[in-house]
Amino acid sequence: MKPRKLNTILFTLFLSLTASVVTGCNNGGGGGSGDSGEEEGGTINFWAYQPSKQTDQTAYKNLISEFTAETGIKVKLLMVVKDSYNKSLNGALTSRSKPDIAYLDQPRISDYAHDGTIMKLDDEIAGNPNIDNSKFFASGLATTMYKGGQYGVPLNMTTSVLFYNKDIVSTPPTSWEEWLNTPVSGSEQSLFDGIGTGGYAGWYYQVFLANNGGKLLNDAGNAVAFNDAKGVEAAQMIQDLYTFDNPQGSINRSANNAFGRGQIAYKLGSSSDIDALDTNYPNLNYGVSLIPPKVKGDTSYSNMGGENLVIFNHSPRKANCIKLIEFLLREENINKIASFTGNFPAIEEYATIESIPVIKEESRARKAVILEQLQNSVPRPVVPKWIEVNDQYLGVAISDKVLSEDPARRDIQAALNEAAQAANMKLFGS
């Protein structure tokens, strides 16, 4: 074959292959820039947390297949391990294979809404009988709102409660005073498991702050408030629980699974901790109670976590994404998704004890406490960059200073003031 004729054939093949690739990108997965407007066809790219169990991963895939069978809309489900989810999602948003719809951690809604990454959903939800805002937990719905607009749909919810070892604690405390004065005997036992470090410390600090009537932001929403008198008292309570004069307490707090091994009187945790304890420590004699308020008889408050569903502005398949959300919010489907993590569905009437799977039947009563605590769970501030403030400033101030083993570093007011100054600069530039 002559070289000129061969070149012509190769060039023709190149054009054919190029056309096939472009057609595949337009009709298959991948978000695209959104410049072409809404597309009827195409595959939805859906990002979700990966369930830990293989059976649950299969169940999720089957659920999505049911949606496709019902609607004819194809969905590419990408399940990502939760610990690496945010980093992976941010990377994907700058790549060619963008998600159309995804899970988003509650406090990240404001970040993505502020920079225009996610879609404002008010028009799509107004009058939509399949997405009824009145059915969601009010606190969960609040996490989707930014500057008067709705940018997400609540999916799963959880909160923190108090775990106690029944072999150490006969009756759970109903006030801070009772909590602090729990008698703990034995050289191998400690009062409290701790609140972790960094972001975890900031997350659990809100539990104590809310029960002392304090807030993370002031009412005007233009400055942090965690360094006021109520914030200091909340941090003091945590510091007192650490019982630094008991060397065994420090050893137990740093030990893996000390509560599961029966060495700790109290720990904070949520639904997933119940499943973990029942699986790994089936003989542990433990109970779950509401977070003790500062004063006996007052309302018990806690923090709130969970995931929302968001649609990205770059997606050319927004209408189909709305249909997927409608499908996922159905009672049997939202309960199935909640069961993957042991959390509760964000639609209040669907959040029942009977709907949540348990490892041990007696843990149904334990999870009932979590459902009760959800009624008074407090969302984190819906303000851009709050996660950075929680992890880098507030959490670090609590864990590295307030809870330092070195008494010279435990100046609560100074630690919170320093964190507040950095936080206000980060959030408000002042």
Protein backbone atom coordinates (compact mmCIF):
# COMPACT_ATOMS: atom_id res chain seq x y z
CA MET A 1 0.00 0.00 0.00
CA LYS A 2 1.30 3.44 -0.90
CA PRO A 3 2.17 5.79 2.01
CA ARG A 4 -0.21 8.54 0.76
CA LYS A 5 -3.16 6.14 0.60
CA LEU A 6 -2.31 4.75 4.06
CA ASN A 7 -2.21 8.26 5.53
CA THR A 8 -5.66 9.01 4.09
CA ILE A 9 -7.11 5.83 5.64
CA LEU A 10 -5.54 6.58 9.04
CA PHE A 11 -6.84 10.14 9.00
CA THR A 12 -10.36 8.90 8.18
CA LEU A 13 -10.18 6.43 11.09
CA PHE A 14 -8.98 9.22 13.41
CA LEU A 15 -11.97 11.41 12.53
CA SER A 16 -14.33 8.48 13.09
CA LEU A 17 -12.83 7.66 16.50
CA THR A 18 -12.90 11.30 17.54
CA ALA A 19 -16.57 11.58 16.68
CA SER A 20 -17.29 8.44 18.72
CA VAL A 21 -15.46 9.78 21.77
CA VAL A 22 -17.26 13.12 21.63
CA THR A 23 -20.63 11.39 21.23
CA GLY A 24 -19.85 9.16 24.21
CA CYS A 25 -19.00 12.15 26.40
CA ASN A 26 -22.19 13.97 25.43
CA ASN A 27 -24.51 11.02 25.94
CA GLY A 28 -22.75 9.19 28.73
CA GLY A 29 -21.51 10.11 32.22
CA GLY A 30 -19.76 13.33 33.12
CA GLY A 31 -21.23 16.67 33.93
CA GLY A 32 -19.86 19.00 31.29
CA SER A 33 -19.78 22.76 31.57
CA GLY A 34 -23.53 23.27 31.53
CA ASP A 35 -23.23 25.83 28.68
CA SER A 36 -25.50 23.78 26.43
CA GLY A 37 -28.44 23.93 28.85
CA GLU A 38 -30.66 21.04 29.94
CA GLU A 39 -30.22 17.66 28.23
CA GLU A 40 -32.92 15.01 28.09
CA GLY A 41 -30.48 12.13 27.70
CA GLY A 42 -27.20 11.29 29.31
CA THR A 43 -26.10 9.45 32.40
CA ILE A 44 -26.31 11.11 35.80
CA ASN A 45 -23.08 11.00 37.77
CA PHE A 46 -24.09 10.45 41.42
CA TRP A 47 -21.52 10.61 44.23
CA ALA A 48 -22.34 9.02 47.59
CA TYR A 49 -20.59 7.75 50.70
CA GLN A 50 -19.51 4.14 50.35
CA PRO A 51 -21.29 1.83 52.82
CA SER A 52 -18.82 -0.17 54.90
CA LYS A 53 -20.52 -3.52 54.23
CA GLN A 54 -20.31 -5.18 50.84
CA THR A 55 -23.96 -6.21 51.11
CA ASP A 56 -24.98 -2.58 51.59
CA GLN A 57 -22.88 -1.50 48.60
CA THR A 58 -24.73 -4.07 46.50
CA ALA A 59 -28.05 -2.90 47.92
CA TYR A 60 -27.25 0.68 46.92
CA LYS A 61 -26.41 -0.37 43.38
CA ASN A 62 -29.65 -2.35 43.18
CA LEU A 63 -31.60 0.67 44.43
CA ILE A 64 -30.18 2.82 41.65
CA SER A 65 -30.96 0.10 39.13
CA GLU A 66 -34.58 0.23 40.29
CA PHE A 67 -34.63 3.95 39.55
CA THR A 68 -33.30 3.36 36.05
CA ALA A 69 -35.83 0.57 35.41
CA GLU A 70 -38.66 2.84 36.52
CA THR A 71 -37.63 6.05 34.74
CA GLY A 72 -35.29 5.00 31.96
CA ILE A 73 -32.72 7.48 33.36
CA LYS A 74 -29.24 6.00 33.61
CA VAL A 75 -27.17 6.71 36.73
CA LYS A 76 -23.51 6.09 37.36
CA LEU A 77 -23.18 5.60 41.13
CA LEU A 78 -19.74 6.38 42.49
CA MET A 79 -19.35 5.32 46.13
CA VAL A 80 -16.42 6.98 47.91
CA VAL A 81 -15.05 6.20 51.37
CA LYS A 82 -16.28 8.93 53.71
CA ASP A 83 -12.86 9.85 55.12
CA SER A 84 -11.58 10.78 51.66
CA TYR A 85 -14.88 11.97 50.20
CA ASN A 86 -14.50 15.74 50.48
CA LYS A 87 -11.01 15.77 49.02
CA SER A 88 -12.04 13.47 46.17
CA LEU A 89 -15.14 15.52 45.44
CA ASN A 90 -13.20 18.77 45.26
CA GLY A 91 -10.78 17.15 42.84
CA ALA A 92 -13.60 15.83 40.67
CA LEU A 93 -15.20 19.25 40.41
CA THR A 94 -12.13 20.51 38.57
CA SER A 95 -11.88 17.48 36.30
CA ARG A 96 -13.74 16.46 33.14
CA SER A 97 -15.73 13.78 34.98
CA LYS A 98 -17.82 16.03 37.18
CA PRO A 99 -20.68 14.76 39.37
CA ASP A 100 -24.18 15.96 38.61
CA ILE A 101 -25.59 15.19 42.05
CA ALA A 102 -23.87 14.26 45.30
CA TYR A 103 -23.94 13.88 49.05
CA LEU A 104 -22.65 16.96 50.86
CA ASP A 105 -21.80 17.22 54.53
CA GLN A 106 -24.21 19.68 56.16
CA PRO A 107 -21.73 22.47 57.03
CA ARG A 108 -20.31 22.49 53.51
CA ILE A 109 -23.57 23.69 51.95
CA SER A 110 -22.69 27.34 52.61
CA ASP A 111 -19.24 26.97 51.02
CA TYR A 112 -20.59 25.53 47.79
CA ALA A 113 -23.60 27.87 47.69
CA HIS A 114 -21.41 30.91 48.28
CA ASP A 115 -19.13 30.18 45.33
CA GLY A 116 -21.97 29.18 42.99
CA THR A 117 -21.02 25.52 42.75
CA ILE A 118 -24.41 24.09 43.71
CA MET A 119 -27.88 24.83 42.41
CA LYS A 120 -30.47 26.93 44.23
CA LEU A 121 -33.48 24.62 44.47
CA ASP A 122 -36.33 26.92 45.56
CA ASP A 123 -38.16 26.87 42.22
CA GLU A 124 -37.79 23.10 41.79
CA ILE A 125 -39.08 22.37 45.30
CA ALA A 126 -41.92 24.91 45.46
CA GLY A 127 -45.15 23.05 44.84
CA ASN A 128 -43.35 19.73 44.29
CA PRO A 129 -45.46 17.11 46.12
CA ASN A 130 -42.53 14.69 46.19
CA ILE A 131 -40.17 17.07 48.03
CA ASP A 132 -42.13 18.47 50.97
CA ASN A 133 -40.00 20.69 53.21
CA SER A 134 -42.56 20.49 56.00
CA LYS A 135 -41.74 16.80 56.46
CA PHE A 136 -38.04 17.23 57.22
CA PHE A 137 -36.63 17.68 60.70
CA ALA A 138 -36.57 21.46 61.05
CA SER A 139 -32.95 21.43 62.20
CA GLY A 140 -31.95 19.31 59.22
CA LEU A 141 -33.74 21.58 56.77
CA ALA A 142 -31.95 24.58 58.31
CA THR A 143 -28.61 23.18 57.15
CA THR A 144 -29.69 23.50 53.50
CA MET A 145 -30.52 27.21 53.72
CA TYR A 146 -28.07 29.95 52.78
CA LYS A 147 -28.98 33.64 52.55
CA GLY A 148 -32.66 32.88 52.20
CA GLY A 149 -32.30 30.22 49.51
CA GLN A 150 -32.40 26.43 49.64
CA TYR A 151 -29.37 24.69 48.18
CA GLY A 152 -29.84 21.10 49.25
CA VAL A 153 -32.30 18.45 50.36
CA PRO A 154 -31.78 16.68 53.73
CA LEU A 155 -31.09 12.95 53.49
CA ASN A 156 -29.61 11.44 56.69
CA MET A 157 -29.31 12.74 60.25
CA THR A 158 -27.55 11.75 63.44
CA THR A 159 -26.60 13.27 66.77
CA SER A 160 -24.46 12.56 69.83
CA VAL A 161 -25.72 10.90 73.00
CA LEU A 162 -24.13 9.71 76.24
CA PHE A 163 -22.96 6.10 76.49
CA TYR A 164 -22.44 4.67 79.97
CA ASN A 165 -21.04 1.45 81.36
CA LYS A 166 -23.75 -0.17 83.48
CA ASP A 167 -21.17 -2.06 85.52
CA ILE A 168 -19.76 1.28 86.68
CA VAL A 169 -22.80 3.57 86.50
CA SER A 170 -26.08 2.39 88.02
CA THR A 171 -28.15 5.34 86.80
CA PRO A 172 -27.18 7.79 84.02
CA PRO A 173 -26.64 11.41 85.12
CA THR A 174 -29.31 14.05 84.60
CA SER A 175 -27.13 17.10 85.22
CA TRP A 176 -23.52 18.20 84.94
CA GLU A 177 -23.13 17.93 88.70
CA GLU A 178 -24.28 14.31 88.72
CA TRP A 179 -22.04 13.55 85.76
CA LEU A 180 -18.95 15.00 87.42
CA ASN A 181 -19.63 13.32 90.74
CA THR A 182 -20.09 9.81 89.41
CA PRO A 183 -18.08 7.54 91.72
CA VAL A 184 -15.43 5.66 89.78
CA SER A 185 -13.49 3.01 91.65
CA GLY A 186 -10.72 0.70 90.65
CA SER A 187 -7.29 1.53 89.31
CA GLU A 188 -8.27 0.51 85.79
CA GLN A 189 -11.38 2.70 85.48
CA SER A 190 -11.77 6.29 84.30
CA LEU A 191 -14.66 8.76 84.27
CA PHE A 192 -14.72 9.92 80.64
CA ASP A 193 -13.47 8.71 77.28
CA GLY A 194 -12.73 12.22 75.97
CA ILE A 195 -13.72 14.22 72.90
CA GLY A 196 -10.83 13.54 70.56
CA THR A 197 -8.62 16.10 68.90
CA GLY A 198 -8.92 18.80 66.24
CA GLY A 199 -12.22 18.66 64.38
CA TYR A 200 -13.69 16.06 66.72
CA ALA A 201 -13.02 18.29 69.72
CA GLY A 202 -14.83 21.18 68.03
CA TRP A 203 -17.72 18.90 67.09
CA TYR A 204 -18.23 17.60 70.65
CA TYR A 205 -17.64 21.01 72.24
CA GLN A 206 -20.96 22.12 70.71
CA VAL A 207 -22.72 19.48 72.86
CA PHE A 208 -21.58 21.18 76.05
CA LEU A 209 -22.00 24.70 74.70
CA ALA A 210 -25.64 24.11 73.70
CA ASN A 211 -26.47 22.64 77.11
CA ASN A 212 -25.07 25.77 78.74
CA GLY A 213 -27.21 28.06 76.58
CA GLY A 214 -24.25 29.18 74.48
CA LYS A 215 -23.86 29.57 70.73
CA LEU A 216 -21.06 29.21 68.23
CA LEU A 217 -22.07 32.44 66.44
CA ASN A 218 -23.77 35.52 67.85
CA ASP A 219 -27.41 36.26 67.00
CA ALA A 220 -26.41 38.76 64.32
CA GLY A 221 -24.26 36.12 62.64
CA ASN A 222 -21.31 38.48 62.27
CA ALA A 223 -18.95 37.19 64.98
CA VAL A 224 -18.21 33.97 66.85
CA ALA A 225 -19.56 33.72 70.38
CA PHE A 226 -17.87 30.60 71.72
CA ASN A 227 -15.41 32.65 73.82
CA ASP A 228 -18.08 34.33 75.96
CA ALA A 229 -18.84 33.33 79.57
CA LYS A 230 -21.09 30.46 78.50
CA GLY A 231 -18.43 29.15 76.15
CA VAL A 232 -15.82 29.23 78.88
CA GLU A 233 -18.12 27.37 81.27
CA ALA A 234 -18.76 24.70 78.65
CA ALA A 235 -15.03 24.19 78.11
CA GLN A 236 -14.53 24.12 81.88
CA MET A 237 -17.01 21.25 82.13
CA ILE A 238 -15.05 19.24 79.59
CA GLN A 239 -11.79 20.03 81.35
CA ASP A 240 -13.26 18.87 84.67
CA LEU A 241 -14.43 15.59 83.12
CA TYR A 242 -10.85 14.81 82.14
CA THR A 243 -9.85 14.46 85.82
CA PHE A 244 -6.18 15.24 85.20
CA ASP A 245 -5.32 14.27 88.77
CA ASN A 246 -6.05 10.64 87.83
CA PRO A 247 -3.08 9.33 85.78
CA GLN A 248 -5.12 6.28 84.77
CA GLY A 249 -7.63 8.57 83.09
CA SER A 250 -5.02 9.82 80.65
CA ILE A 251 -3.88 6.30 79.89
CA ASN A 252 -7.40 5.08 79.23
CA ARG A 253 -8.33 8.04 77.03
CA SER A 254 -5.38 7.34 74.77
CA ALA A 255 -6.05 3.60 74.68
CA ASN A 256 -7.93 2.02 71.78
CA ASN A 257 -11.47 0.90 72.59
CA ALA A 258 -11.09 1.46 76.34
CA PHE A 259 -14.85 1.93 76.71
CA GLY A 260 -15.52 -1.33 74.88
CA ARG A 261 -13.13 -3.09 77.24
CA GLY A 262 -15.05 -1.81 80.24
CA GLN A 263 -12.47 0.70 81.51
CA ILE A 264 -14.47 3.91 81.01
CA ALA A 265 -17.67 5.09 82.73
CA TYR A 266 -18.86 7.45 79.96
CA LYS A 267 -18.29 8.23 76.30
CA LEU A 268 -20.01 10.33 73.67
CA GLY A 269 -21.14 8.66 70.47
CA SER A 270 -23.88 8.11 67.91
CA SER A 271 -25.65 5.35 65.96
CA SER A 272 -22.53 3.93 64.36
CA ASP A 273 -20.93 3.51 67.80
CA ILE A 274 -23.84 1.33 68.91
CA ASP A 275 -23.34 -0.95 65.92
CA ALA A 276 -19.57 -1.05 66.48
CA LEU A 277 -19.88 -1.92 70.18
CA ASP A 278 -22.48 -4.61 69.51
CA THR A 279 -20.25 -6.15 66.86
CA ASN A 280 -16.88 -5.92 68.59
CA TYR A 281 -17.88 -6.12 72.27
CA PRO A 282 -21.07 -8.20 72.38
CA ASN A 283 -20.75 -8.81 76.13
CA LEU A 284 -20.36 -5.15 77.10
CA ASN A 285 -23.08 -4.11 79.55
CA TYR A 286 -23.82 -0.54 78.46
CA GLY A 287 -26.66 1.92 78.12
CA VAL A 288 -27.40 5.12 76.21
CA SER A 289 -28.97 8.28 77.61
CA LEU A 290 -29.70 11.85 76.60
CA ILE A 291 -26.87 14.35 77.05
CA PRO A 292 -27.11 15.70 80.61
CA PRO A 293 -28.12 19.39 80.63
CA LYS A 294 -26.25 21.69 82.94
CA VAL A 295 -29.25 21.93 85.28
CA LYS A 296 -31.42 18.94 86.05
CA GLY A 297 -34.80 19.23 84.40
CA ASP A 298 -33.66 21.54 81.61
CA THR A 299 -33.91 20.51 77.95
CA SER A 300 -31.13 18.24 76.72
CA TYR A 301 -29.39 19.51 73.58
CA SER A 302 -26.81 17.96 71.32
CA ASN A 303 -24.97 18.56 68.06
CA MET A 304 -26.20 17.43 64.67
CA GLY A 305 -24.57 15.71 61.74
CA GLY A 306 -25.71 14.25 58.47
CA GLU A 307 -25.75 14.54 54.72
CA ASN A 308 -27.71 16.58 52.21
CA LEU A 309 -28.27 15.98 48.51
CA VAL A 310 -27.09 18.74 46.18
CA ILE A 311 -27.19 19.34 42.42
CA PHE A 312 -24.25 21.06 40.74
CA ASN A 313 -24.75 24.14 38.61
CA HIS A 314 -22.54 22.74 35.86
CA SER A 315 -24.84 19.73 35.35
CA PRO A 316 -26.82 19.67 32.08
CA ARG A 317 -29.13 17.05 33.65
CA LYS A 318 -30.72 19.00 36.49
CA ALA A 319 -34.30 17.89 35.76
CA ASN A 320 -33.29 14.23 35.91
CA CYS A 321 -31.36 14.87 39.12
CA ILE A 322 -34.57 16.21 40.69
CA LYS A 323 -36.29 12.98 39.68
CA LEU A 324 -33.53 10.99 41.37
CA ILE A 325 -33.95 13.02 44.57
CA GLU A 326 -37.69 12.39 44.51
CA PHE A 327 -37.01 8.67 44.20
CA LEU A 328 -34.46 8.60 47.02
CA LEU A 329 -36.85 10.42 49.38
CA ARG A 330 -39.51 7.73 49.17
CA GLU A 331 -40.04 6.07 52.54
CA GLU A 332 -38.62 2.67 51.67
CA ASN A 333 -35.64 4.18 49.84
CA ILE A 334 -34.59 6.86 52.32
CA ASN A 335 -34.82 4.31 55.12
CA LYS A 336 -32.66 1.89 53.17
CA ILE A 337 -30.00 4.58 52.65
CA ALA A 338 -30.12 5.54 56.32
CA SER A 339 -29.61 1.90 57.26
CA PHE A 340 -26.24 1.86 55.49
CA THR A 341 -24.81 4.05 58.26
CA GLY A 342 -27.29 3.34 61.05
CA ASN A 343 -28.42 6.98 60.94
CA PHE A 344 -32.01 8.17 60.65
CA PRO A 345 -33.79 9.49 57.55
CA ALA A 346 -34.19 13.26 57.55
CA ILE A 347 -37.95 12.98 56.95
CA GLU A 348 -39.32 12.96 60.47
CA GLU A 349 -42.34 10.68 59.97
CA TYR A 350 -40.11 8.02 58.39
CA ALA A 351 -37.57 8.10 61.23
CA THR A 352 -38.83 5.26 63.38
CA ILE A 353 -37.09 2.72 65.55
CA GLU A 354 -38.65 -0.11 63.55
CA SER A 355 -37.06 1.21 60.35
CA ILE A 356 -33.46 1.02 61.60
CA PRO A 357 -31.55 -2.27 61.58
CA VAL A 358 -29.71 -3.26 64.76
CA ILE A 359 -27.01 -5.81 65.54
CA LYS A 360 -28.65 -6.73 68.85
CA GLU A 361 -32.35 -6.37 69.55
CA GLU A 362 -31.75 -4.57 72.84
CA SER A 363 -30.03 -1.80 70.89
CA ARG A 364 -33.34 -0.77 69.39
CA ALA A 365 -34.05 0.97 72.72
CA ARG A 366 -30.57 2.51 72.62
CA LYS A 367 -31.20 3.97 69.18
CA ALA A 368 -34.56 5.24 70.39
CA VAL A 369 -32.58 7.61 72.61
CA ILE A 370 -30.76 8.96 69.57
CA LEU A 371 -34.07 9.57 67.82
CA GLU A 372 -35.32 11.44 70.91
CA GLN A 373 -32.10 13.47 71.07
CA LEU A 374 -32.54 14.48 67.43
CA GLN A 375 -35.59 16.50 68.43
CA ASN A 376 -33.27 19.00 70.11
CA SER A 377 -30.13 18.72 68.00
CA VAL A 378 -28.40 21.94 67.03
CA PRO A 379 -26.99 22.47 63.50
CA ARG A 380 -23.60 24.01 62.97
CA PRO A 381 -23.43 27.57 61.61
CA VAL A 382 -24.42 27.86 57.95
CA VAL A 383 -21.57 30.19 57.08
CA PRO A 384 -18.75 29.68 54.57
CA LYS A 385 -15.47 28.33 55.97
CA TRP A 386 -17.03 27.07 59.20
CA ILE A 387 -15.39 23.65 58.79
CA GLU A 388 -11.96 25.30 58.70
CA VAL A 389 -12.80 27.28 61.85
CA ASN A 390 -14.00 24.15 63.63
CA ASP A 391 -11.01 22.02 62.65
CA GLN A 392 -8.16 24.53 62.65
CA TYR A 393 -9.08 26.99 65.41
CA LEU A 394 -11.85 25.93 67.79
CA GLY A 395 -11.07 22.22 67.88
CA VAL A 396 -7.34 22.80 68.21
CA ALA A 397 -7.86 25.33 71.02
CA ILE A 398 -9.90 22.79 72.98
CA SER A 399 -7.78 19.70 72.41
CA ASP A 400 -4.29 21.25 72.40
CA LYS A 401 -4.74 23.85 75.14
CA VAL A 402 -7.89 23.51 77.24
CA LEU A 403 -7.32 19.76 77.51
CA SER A 404 -3.53 19.82 77.62
CA GLU A 405 -1.79 17.55 80.10
CA ASP A 406 0.34 20.59 80.98
CA PRO A 407 -1.49 22.72 83.61
CA ALA A 408 0.29 25.85 82.36
CA ARG A 409 -1.49 25.55 78.99
CA ARG A 410 -5.05 25.14 80.31
CA ASP A 411 -6.08 28.81 80.34
CA ILE A 412 -9.57 28.41 78.87
CA GLN A 413 -10.36 32.07 78.27
CA ALA A 414 -7.03 32.74 76.61
CA ALA A 415 -7.34 29.67 74.38
CA LEU A 416 -10.87 30.53 73.26
CA ASN A 417 -10.02 34.20 72.74
CA GLU A 418 -7.14 33.26 70.47
CA ALA A 419 -9.35 30.86 68.51
CA ALA A 420 -12.12 33.49 68.27
CA GLN A 421 -9.76 36.13 66.93
CA ALA A 422 -8.50 33.79 64.21
CA ALA A 423 -12.04 32.58 63.47
CA ASN A 424 -13.46 36.09 63.06
CA MET A 425 -10.65 36.98 60.68
CA LYS A 426 -11.27 33.81 58.68
CA LEU A 427 -15.05 34.19 58.54
CA PHE A 428 -15.57 37.94 58.48
CA GLY A 429 -12.20 39.52 57.81
CA SER A 430 -12.12 41.30 61.16
